[in-house]
Amino acid sequence: MIPTPTESPRIRLRRVLFLGAATVQGLCLILFVLDVAKEMDGGDRMTAVEGVGVLGLLVSVVITLGEYRRMLHRNARVEARLDAATGAFTRMMEEQFTRWGLTAAEHDVALMSVKGLSIGDIAVLRQTATGTVKAQSAAIYRKAGVSNRAEMISVLIEDLIDGVPLP
């Protein structure tokens, strides 16, 4: 499976190590089988220890590749669920911004605020003064019925998890 752009370097490293281990096991199996076959050509019979070794390596390679395959399928399922959750949160957030009646500029500021950007960063990205972003943030909070960014995010998260039962 080709790594996804959002795949972390740690997961990529684990994937490479896992495949590397399976490759080494496979190569060892091939070398061991060739060595045993060479001995058999000389009239020697394969010993029980060598037979168990060949069988053990073969089983190890099969198990390793099977686990790798299961891991890839599990990762695909997790990524699909994460994409669905991200999409659901984005749709819900857009609906909430519409309900609050945010202007296009306020929408952009609110989105950047939810993403964790500072007032200064938002001002730089929007090429406006920090005072403008502060005023837009105040308008967003007023329309949302909250007093700060944390409360706004809390409202958005509450909408997302509405209906999830408490333990």
N, C-alpha and C. Protein backbone atom coordinates (compact mmCIF):
# COMPACT_ATOMS: atom_id res chain seq x y z
N MET A 1 0.84 -1.18 0.00
CA MET A 1 0.00 0.00 0.00
C MET A 1 0.89 1.24 0.00
N ILE A 2 0.52 2.23 -0.78
CA ILE A 2 1.28 3.46 -0.89
C ILE A 2 0.95 4.34 0.30
N PRO A 3 1.97 4.94 0.96
CA PRO A 3 1.69 5.80 2.10
C PRO A 3 0.80 6.97 1.71
N THR A 4 -0.10 7.35 2.60
CA THR A 4 -0.98 8.49 2.34
C THR A 4 -0.24 9.76 2.72
N PRO A 5 -0.62 10.90 2.14
CA PRO A 5 0.07 12.15 2.45
C PRO A 5 -0.04 12.52 3.93
N THR A 6 -1.11 12.09 4.60
CA THR A 6 -1.29 12.44 6.00
C THR A 6 -0.63 11.44 6.94
N GLU A 7 0.00 10.43 6.38
CA GLU A 7 0.63 9.41 7.20
C GLU A 7 1.82 10.01 7.94
N SER A 8 1.90 9.75 9.24
CA SER A 8 2.98 10.32 10.03
C SER A 8 4.29 9.61 9.73
N PRO A 9 5.41 10.28 9.97
CA PRO A 9 6.71 9.64 9.75
C PRO A 9 6.88 8.39 10.61
N ARG A 10 6.30 8.40 11.80
CA ARG A 10 6.40 7.24 12.69
C ARG A 10 5.70 6.02 12.08
N ILE A 11 4.51 6.23 11.52
CA ILE A 11 3.77 5.13 10.91
C ILE A 11 4.51 4.65 9.66
N ARG A 12 5.05 5.58 8.90
CA ARG A 12 5.82 5.22 7.71
C ARG A 12 7.03 4.36 8.10
N LEU A 13 7.71 4.74 9.18
CA LEU A 13 8.87 3.98 9.66
C LEU A 13 8.45 2.58 10.09
N ARG A 14 7.33 2.48 10.81
CA ARG A 14 6.85 1.17 11.24
C ARG A 14 6.51 0.30 10.04
N ARG A 15 5.91 0.90 9.02
CA ARG A 15 5.56 0.16 7.81
C ARG A 15 6.81 -0.39 7.13
N VAL A 16 7.83 0.47 7.02
CA VAL A 16 9.08 0.05 6.38
C VAL A 16 9.75 -1.05 7.21
N LEU A 17 9.80 -0.88 8.52
CA LEU A 17 10.42 -1.89 9.38
C LEU A 17 9.69 -3.22 9.29
N PHE A 18 8.35 -3.16 9.27
CA PHE A 18 7.54 -4.38 9.19
C PHE A 18 7.81 -5.12 7.89
N LEU A 19 7.78 -4.38 6.79
CA LEU A 19 8.06 -5.01 5.49
C LEU A 19 9.51 -5.48 5.40
N GLY A 20 10.42 -4.73 5.99
CA GLY A 20 11.82 -5.14 6.01
C GLY A 20 12.01 -6.44 6.76
N ALA A 21 11.34 -6.56 7.91
CA ALA A 21 11.45 -7.80 8.69
C ALA A 21 10.90 -8.98 7.90
N ALA A 22 9.76 -8.79 7.23
CA ALA A 22 9.18 -9.87 6.43
C ALA A 22 10.10 -10.24 5.28
N THR A 23 10.73 -9.24 4.68
CA THR A 23 11.66 -9.49 3.57
C THR A 23 12.88 -10.29 4.06
N VAL A 24 13.42 -9.89 5.20
CA VAL A 24 14.56 -10.62 5.76
C VAL A 24 14.17 -12.06 6.08
N GLN A 25 13.00 -12.23 6.66
CA GLN A 25 12.53 -13.59 6.95
C GLN A 25 12.40 -14.41 5.67
N GLY A 26 11.84 -13.82 4.65
CA GLY A 26 11.68 -14.51 3.37
C GLY A 26 13.02 -14.89 2.76
N LEU A 27 13.96 -13.95 2.80
CA LEU A 27 15.30 -14.23 2.26
C LEU A 27 15.99 -15.34 3.06
N CYS A 28 15.87 -15.30 4.37
CA CYS A 28 16.45 -16.36 5.21
C CYS A 28 15.82 -17.71 4.88
N LEU A 29 14.52 -17.70 4.65
CA LEU A 29 13.84 -18.94 4.29
C LEU A 29 14.39 -19.49 2.98
N ILE A 30 14.53 -18.61 1.99
CA ILE A 30 15.06 -19.05 0.69
C ILE A 30 16.48 -19.59 0.83
N LEU A 31 17.34 -18.86 1.54
CA LEU A 31 18.72 -19.32 1.74
C LEU A 31 18.77 -20.66 2.48
N PHE A 32 17.93 -20.78 3.49
CA PHE A 32 17.92 -22.02 4.27
C PHE A 32 17.44 -23.19 3.41
N VAL A 33 16.38 -22.95 2.63
CA VAL A 33 15.86 -24.02 1.75
C VAL A 33 16.92 -24.39 0.72
N LEU A 34 17.60 -23.40 0.13
CA LEU A 34 18.66 -23.69 -0.84
C LEU A 34 19.79 -24.49 -0.20
N ASP A 35 20.16 -24.14 1.03
CA ASP A 35 21.21 -24.87 1.73
C ASP A 35 20.79 -26.31 1.99
N VAL A 36 19.56 -26.51 2.42
CA VAL A 36 19.05 -27.86 2.68
C VAL A 36 18.99 -28.64 1.37
N ALA A 37 18.53 -28.00 0.29
CA ALA A 37 18.45 -28.68 -1.00
C ALA A 37 19.83 -29.08 -1.49
N LYS A 38 20.82 -28.22 -1.27
CA LYS A 38 22.20 -28.52 -1.68
C LYS A 38 22.71 -29.75 -0.94
N GLU A 39 22.43 -29.83 0.34
CA GLU A 39 22.85 -30.98 1.14
C GLU A 39 22.16 -32.25 0.67
N MET A 40 20.92 -32.13 0.26
CA MET A 40 20.15 -33.30 -0.18
C MET A 40 20.69 -33.83 -1.51
N ASP A 41 21.23 -32.92 -2.36
CA ASP A 41 21.81 -33.36 -3.64
C ASP A 41 23.02 -34.26 -3.42
N GLY A 42 23.69 -34.06 -2.31
CA GLY A 42 24.86 -34.87 -2.01
C GLY A 42 24.49 -36.22 -1.42
N GLY A 43 23.24 -36.53 -1.38
CA GLY A 43 22.80 -37.80 -0.86
C GLY A 43 22.41 -37.73 0.61
N ASP A 44 22.68 -36.60 1.28
CA ASP A 44 22.27 -36.47 2.67
C ASP A 44 20.77 -36.28 2.75
N ARG A 45 20.22 -36.76 3.81
CA ARG A 45 18.79 -36.55 4.03
C ARG A 45 18.62 -35.34 4.94
N MET A 46 17.54 -34.65 4.75
CA MET A 46 17.26 -33.49 5.58
C MET A 46 17.00 -33.98 7.01
N THR A 47 17.66 -33.35 7.94
CA THR A 47 17.45 -33.74 9.33
C THR A 47 16.15 -33.15 9.84
N ALA A 48 15.68 -33.68 10.92
CA ALA A 48 14.43 -33.19 11.53
C ALA A 48 14.60 -31.74 11.98
N VAL A 49 15.78 -31.41 12.47
CA VAL A 49 16.03 -30.03 12.93
C VAL A 49 15.94 -29.06 11.76
N GLU A 50 16.52 -29.41 10.64
CA GLU A 50 16.44 -28.54 9.47
C GLU A 50 15.01 -28.42 8.97
N GLY A 51 14.28 -29.54 8.98
CA GLY A 51 12.88 -29.53 8.56
C GLY A 51 12.03 -28.62 9.44
N VAL A 52 12.26 -28.71 10.75
CA VAL A 52 11.54 -27.83 11.68
C VAL A 52 11.93 -26.38 11.43
N GLY A 53 13.22 -26.15 11.14
CA GLY A 53 13.68 -24.78 10.85
C GLY A 53 13.01 -24.21 9.62
N VAL A 54 12.95 -25.02 8.55
CA VAL A 54 12.29 -24.57 7.32
C VAL A 54 10.82 -24.29 7.59
N LEU A 55 10.17 -25.21 8.28
CA LEU A 55 8.75 -25.04 8.58
C LEU A 55 8.52 -23.80 9.46
N GLY A 56 9.38 -23.61 10.46
CA GLY A 56 9.26 -22.45 11.34
C GLY A 56 9.41 -21.14 10.59
N LEU A 57 10.41 -21.07 9.71
CA LEU A 57 10.60 -19.85 8.92
C LEU A 57 9.41 -19.60 8.00
N LEU A 58 8.92 -20.66 7.38
CA LEU A 58 7.77 -20.52 6.48
C LEU A 58 6.55 -20.00 7.24
N VAL A 59 6.28 -20.60 8.38
CA VAL A 59 5.13 -20.16 9.20
C VAL A 59 5.33 -18.71 9.64
N SER A 60 6.56 -18.37 10.03
CA SER A 60 6.86 -17.01 10.46
C SER A 60 6.61 -15.99 9.35
N VAL A 61 7.03 -16.31 8.14
CA VAL A 61 6.81 -15.40 7.01
C VAL A 61 5.32 -15.26 6.72
N VAL A 62 4.60 -16.36 6.74
CA VAL A 62 3.16 -16.31 6.47
C VAL A 62 2.44 -15.48 7.54
N ILE A 63 2.79 -15.69 8.81
CA ILE A 63 2.16 -14.93 9.90
C ILE A 63 2.50 -13.45 9.78
N THR A 64 3.75 -13.15 9.51
CA THR A 64 4.17 -11.74 9.40
C THR A 64 3.42 -11.04 8.27
N LEU A 65 3.35 -11.67 7.12
CA LEU A 65 2.64 -11.05 5.99
C LEU A 65 1.14 -10.96 6.25
N GLY A 66 0.59 -11.95 6.93
CA GLY A 66 -0.83 -11.90 7.29
C GLY A 66 -1.12 -10.76 8.25
N GLU A 67 -0.26 -10.58 9.24
CA GLU A 67 -0.44 -9.47 10.18
C GLU A 67 -0.28 -8.13 9.48
N TYR A 68 0.66 -8.06 8.56
CA TYR A 68 0.85 -6.82 7.80
C TYR A 68 -0.40 -6.49 7.00
N ARG A 69 -0.97 -7.51 6.37
CA ARG A 69 -2.20 -7.32 5.59
C ARG A 69 -3.34 -6.86 6.49
N ARG A 70 -3.49 -7.48 7.67
CA ARG A 70 -4.54 -7.06 8.61
C ARG A 70 -4.31 -5.63 9.10
N MET A 71 -3.04 -5.29 9.32
CA MET A 71 -2.72 -3.94 9.76
C MET A 71 -3.10 -2.91 8.69
N LEU A 72 -2.82 -3.22 7.43
CA LEU A 72 -3.18 -2.31 6.34
C LEU A 72 -4.70 -2.12 6.26
N HIS A 73 -5.44 -3.21 6.39
CA HIS A 73 -6.91 -3.11 6.35
C HIS A 73 -7.43 -2.31 7.54
N ARG A 74 -6.86 -2.55 8.72
CA ARG A 74 -7.29 -1.82 9.91
C ARG A 74 -7.00 -0.33 9.74
N ASN A 75 -5.80 0.00 9.25
CA ASN A 75 -5.45 1.40 9.03
C ASN A 75 -6.40 2.05 8.03
N ALA A 76 -6.76 1.32 6.98
CA ALA A 76 -7.69 1.86 5.98
C ALA A 76 -9.05 2.15 6.62
N ARG A 77 -9.52 1.23 7.48
CA ARG A 77 -10.81 1.45 8.16
C ARG A 77 -10.73 2.66 9.10
N VAL A 78 -9.63 2.76 9.85
CA VAL A 78 -9.47 3.88 10.78
C VAL A 78 -9.41 5.20 10.01
N GLU A 79 -8.66 5.22 8.91
CA GLU A 79 -8.57 6.44 8.10
C GLU A 79 -9.93 6.81 7.52
N ALA A 80 -10.70 5.83 7.08
CA ALA A 80 -12.03 6.11 6.53
C ALA A 80 -12.93 6.70 7.62
N ARG A 81 -12.86 6.14 8.83
CA ARG A 81 -13.67 6.67 9.94
C ARG A 81 -13.24 8.08 10.31
N LEU A 82 -11.92 8.31 10.31
CA LEU A 82 -11.41 9.64 10.63
C LEU A 82 -11.85 10.64 9.57
N ASP A 83 -11.78 10.25 8.30
CA ASP A 83 -12.24 11.13 7.22
C ASP A 83 -13.73 11.45 7.38
N ALA A 84 -14.52 10.43 7.74
CA ALA A 84 -15.96 10.63 7.94
C ALA A 84 -16.20 11.59 9.10
N ALA A 85 -15.46 11.39 10.20
CA ALA A 85 -15.63 12.26 11.36
C ALA A 85 -15.20 13.68 11.04
N THR A 86 -14.12 13.82 10.30
CA THR A 86 -13.65 15.15 9.91
C THR A 86 -14.68 15.83 9.01
N GLY A 87 -15.22 15.06 8.08
CA GLY A 87 -16.25 15.61 7.20
C GLY A 87 -17.50 16.01 7.96
N ALA A 88 -17.89 15.17 8.93
CA ALA A 88 -19.08 15.47 9.74
C ALA A 88 -18.85 16.74 10.55
N PHE A 89 -17.66 16.86 11.14
CA PHE A 89 -17.37 18.05 11.94
C PHE A 89 -17.36 19.30 11.05
N THR A 90 -16.77 19.18 9.87
CA THR A 90 -16.71 20.32 8.96
C THR A 90 -18.12 20.75 8.54
N ARG A 91 -18.96 19.77 8.18
CA ARG A 91 -20.35 20.10 7.78
C ARG A 91 -21.11 20.75 8.94
N MET A 92 -20.97 20.17 10.12
CA MET A 92 -21.66 20.69 11.29
C MET A 92 -21.18 22.11 11.61
N MET A 93 -19.88 22.33 11.49
CA MET A 93 -19.32 23.65 11.78
C MET A 93 -19.83 24.67 10.76
N GLU A 94 -19.87 24.29 9.49
CA GLU A 94 -20.37 25.19 8.45
C GLU A 94 -21.84 25.53 8.70
N GLU A 95 -22.63 24.52 9.10
CA GLU A 95 -24.04 24.76 9.40
C GLU A 95 -24.18 25.72 10.58
N GLN A 96 -23.35 25.54 11.59
CA GLN A 96 -23.41 26.42 12.77
C GLN A 96 -23.02 27.84 12.39
N PHE A 97 -21.99 27.99 11.58
CA PHE A 97 -21.58 29.33 11.14
C PHE A 97 -22.72 30.00 10.38
N THR A 98 -23.45 29.22 9.57
CA THR A 98 -24.60 29.77 8.83
C THR A 98 -25.70 30.18 9.81
N ARG A 99 -25.99 29.32 10.79
CA ARG A 99 -27.02 29.65 11.79
C ARG A 99 -26.66 30.91 12.57
N TRP A 100 -25.38 31.08 12.84
CA TRP A 100 -24.95 32.27 13.57
C TRP A 100 -25.00 33.51 12.69
N GLY A 101 -25.13 33.34 11.39
CA GLY A 101 -25.20 34.47 10.47
C GLY A 101 -23.87 35.18 10.28
N LEU A 102 -22.79 34.42 10.24
CA LEU A 102 -21.47 35.02 10.07
C LEU A 102 -21.30 35.55 8.66
N THR A 103 -20.62 36.69 8.56
CA THR A 103 -20.25 37.21 7.25
C THR A 103 -19.12 36.34 6.70
N ALA A 104 -18.76 36.57 5.44
CA ALA A 104 -17.68 35.78 4.83
C ALA A 104 -16.37 35.99 5.59
N ALA A 105 -16.10 37.23 5.97
CA ALA A 105 -14.87 37.52 6.72
C ALA A 105 -14.90 36.87 8.09
N GLU A 106 -16.04 36.97 8.77
CA GLU A 106 -16.18 36.34 10.09
C GLU A 106 -16.06 34.82 9.98
N HIS A 107 -16.61 34.27 8.92
CA HIS A 107 -16.51 32.82 8.69
C HIS A 107 -15.04 32.41 8.62
N ASP A 108 -14.26 33.16 7.83
CA ASP A 108 -12.84 32.84 7.68
C ASP A 108 -12.11 32.96 9.02
N VAL A 109 -12.40 34.02 9.76
CA VAL A 109 -11.75 34.23 11.06
C VAL A 109 -12.16 33.12 12.02
N ALA A 110 -13.43 32.76 12.03
CA ALA A 110 -13.90 31.70 12.92
C ALA A 110 -13.22 30.37 12.59
N LEU A 111 -13.13 30.06 11.31
CA LEU A 111 -12.49 28.81 10.90
C LEU A 111 -11.02 28.79 11.31
N MET A 112 -10.32 29.87 11.07
CA MET A 112 -8.91 29.93 11.46
C MET A 112 -8.76 29.87 12.97
N SER A 113 -9.70 30.47 13.67
CA SER A 113 -9.68 30.44 15.13
C SER A 113 -9.87 29.03 15.65
N VAL A 114 -10.82 28.30 15.05
CA VAL A 114 -11.06 26.91 15.44
C VAL A 114 -9.82 26.07 15.16
N LYS A 115 -9.11 26.39 14.08
CA LYS A 115 -7.90 25.64 13.73
C LYS A 115 -6.74 25.99 14.65
N GLY A 116 -6.92 26.99 15.52
CA GLY A 116 -5.91 27.29 16.53
C GLY A 116 -4.96 28.41 16.19
N LEU A 117 -5.23 29.14 15.12
CA LEU A 117 -4.34 30.25 14.76
C LEU A 117 -4.54 31.41 15.73
N SER A 118 -3.47 32.12 16.00
CA SER A 118 -3.55 33.28 16.88
C SER A 118 -4.15 34.47 16.13
N ILE A 119 -4.55 35.48 16.89
CA ILE A 119 -5.10 36.70 16.28
C ILE A 119 -4.08 37.28 15.30
N GLY A 120 -2.82 37.33 15.72
CA GLY A 120 -1.77 37.86 14.85
C GLY A 120 -1.60 37.06 13.58
N ASP A 121 -1.62 35.73 13.69
CA ASP A 121 -1.48 34.88 12.51
C ASP A 121 -2.66 35.07 11.55
N ILE A 122 -3.85 35.16 12.13
CA ILE A 122 -5.04 35.37 11.30
C ILE A 122 -4.93 36.71 10.56
N ALA A 123 -4.48 37.73 11.28
CA ALA A 123 -4.33 39.06 10.66
C ALA A 123 -3.34 39.01 9.50
N VAL A 124 -2.24 38.32 9.70
CA VAL A 124 -1.23 38.22 8.64
C VAL A 124 -1.81 37.48 7.44
N LEU A 125 -2.46 36.35 7.68
CA LEU A 125 -3.02 35.57 6.59
C LEU A 125 -4.12 36.32 5.85
N ARG A 126 -4.92 37.07 6.59
CA ARG A 126 -6.02 37.82 5.96
C ARG A 126 -5.58 39.20 5.49
N GLN A 127 -4.34 39.54 5.77
CA GLN A 127 -3.78 40.84 5.39
C GLN A 127 -4.63 41.99 5.93
N THR A 128 -4.94 41.87 7.23
CA THR A 128 -5.68 42.92 7.92
C THR A 128 -4.97 43.26 9.23
N ALA A 129 -5.45 44.27 9.89
CA ALA A 129 -4.88 44.65 11.17
C ALA A 129 -5.39 43.70 12.26
N THR A 130 -4.59 43.56 13.32
CA THR A 130 -5.02 42.69 14.42
C THR A 130 -6.29 43.23 15.07
N GLY A 131 -6.43 44.55 15.07
CA GLY A 131 -7.65 45.15 15.63
C GLY A 131 -8.89 44.71 14.85
N THR A 132 -8.75 44.58 13.54
CA THR A 132 -9.87 44.13 12.71
C THR A 132 -10.25 42.70 13.07
N VAL A 133 -9.23 41.85 13.23
CA VAL A 133 -9.49 40.44 13.58
C VAL A 133 -10.12 40.36 14.97
N LYS A 134 -9.65 41.19 15.89
CA LYS A 134 -10.23 41.21 17.24
C LYS A 134 -11.70 41.63 17.18
N ALA A 135 -12.01 42.64 16.37
CA ALA A 135 -13.39 43.09 16.23
C ALA A 135 -14.26 42.01 15.59
N GLN A 136 -13.72 41.34 14.57
CA GLN A 136 -14.46 40.25 13.93
C GLN A 136 -14.67 39.09 14.91
N SER A 137 -13.67 38.80 15.71
CA SER A 137 -13.79 37.74 16.71
C SER A 137 -14.87 38.09 17.72
N ALA A 138 -14.88 39.34 18.15
CA ALA A 138 -15.91 39.78 19.11
C ALA A 138 -17.30 39.63 18.50
N ALA A 139 -17.44 39.97 17.21
CA ALA A 139 -18.73 39.82 16.53
C ALA A 139 -19.13 38.35 16.44
N ILE A 140 -18.17 37.48 16.17
CA ILE A 140 -18.43 36.04 16.09
C ILE A 140 -18.93 35.54 17.44
N TYR A 141 -18.21 35.92 18.51
CA TYR A 141 -18.58 35.46 19.85
C TYR A 141 -19.97 35.96 20.24
N ARG A 142 -20.27 37.21 19.88
CA ARG A 142 -21.60 37.77 20.18
C ARG A 142 -22.68 36.99 19.45
N LYS A 143 -22.47 36.73 18.15
CA LYS A 143 -23.45 35.99 17.36
C LYS A 143 -23.60 34.55 17.85
N ALA A 144 -22.51 33.97 18.35
CA ALA A 144 -22.53 32.59 18.83
C ALA A 144 -23.04 32.49 20.26
N GLY A 145 -23.14 33.63 20.95
CA GLY A 145 -23.61 33.63 22.33
C GLY A 145 -22.55 33.12 23.30
N VAL A 146 -21.29 33.36 22.96
CA VAL A 146 -20.19 32.93 23.82
C VAL A 146 -19.29 34.14 24.09
N SER A 147 -18.31 33.95 24.99
CA SER A 147 -17.46 35.10 25.30
C SER A 147 -16.01 34.94 24.86
N ASN A 148 -15.64 33.73 24.37
CA ASN A 148 -14.25 33.57 23.92
C ASN A 148 -14.13 32.36 22.99
N ARG A 149 -12.92 32.17 22.48
CA ARG A 149 -12.64 31.10 21.53
C ARG A 149 -12.92 29.72 22.13
N ALA A 150 -12.50 29.51 23.36
CA ALA A 150 -12.69 28.20 23.99
C ALA A 150 -14.17 27.85 24.08
N GLU A 151 -15.00 28.82 24.44
CA GLU A 151 -16.44 28.57 24.51
C GLU A 151 -17.02 28.29 23.13
N MET A 152 -16.53 29.02 22.12
CA MET A 152 -17.02 28.79 20.76
C MET A 152 -16.69 27.35 20.32
N ILE A 153 -15.47 26.92 20.55
CA ILE A 153 -15.07 25.57 20.18
C ILE A 153 -15.87 24.55 20.98
N SER A 154 -16.12 24.87 22.24
CA SER A 154 -16.93 23.98 23.08
C SER A 154 -18.34 23.82 22.52
N VAL A 155 -18.91 24.90 22.03
CA VAL A 155 -20.25 24.83 21.43
C VAL A 155 -20.22 23.95 20.19
N LEU A 156 -19.20 24.10 19.37
CA LEU A 156 -19.08 23.30 18.16
C LEU A 156 -18.91 21.82 18.50
N ILE A 157 -18.09 21.53 19.47
CA ILE A 157 -17.88 20.14 19.87
C ILE A 157 -19.14 19.57 20.49
N GLU A 158 -19.82 20.37 21.28
CA GLU A 158 -21.08 19.91 21.90
C GLU A 158 -22.10 19.51 20.82
N ASP A 159 -22.17 20.31 19.76
CA ASP A 159 -23.07 19.97 18.66
C ASP A 159 -22.66 18.66 17.99
N LEU A 160 -21.35 18.45 17.87
CA LEU A 160 -20.85 17.24 17.23
C LEU A 160 -21.17 15.99 18.04
N ILE A 161 -21.04 16.08 19.37
CA ILE A 161 -21.24 14.90 20.20
C ILE A 161 -22.63 14.82 20.81
N ASP A 162 -23.50 15.73 20.38
CA ASP A 162 -24.87 15.69 20.88
C ASP A 162 -25.48 14.34 20.58
N GLY A 163 -26.05 13.73 21.57
CA GLY A 163 -26.66 12.42 21.40
C GLY A 163 -25.74 11.28 21.80
N VAL A 164 -24.46 11.57 22.02
CA VAL A 164 -23.56 10.52 22.50
C VAL A 164 -23.80 10.37 24.00
N PRO A 165 -24.20 9.18 24.45
CA PRO A 165 -24.53 9.03 25.87
C PRO A 165 -23.29 9.14 26.75
N LEU A 166 -23.50 9.72 27.92
CA LEU A 166 -22.44 9.81 28.90
C LEU A 166 -22.25 8.45 29.57
N PRO A 167 -21.05 8.15 30.02
CA PRO A 167 -20.82 6.86 30.67
C PRO A 167 -21.57 6.76 32.00
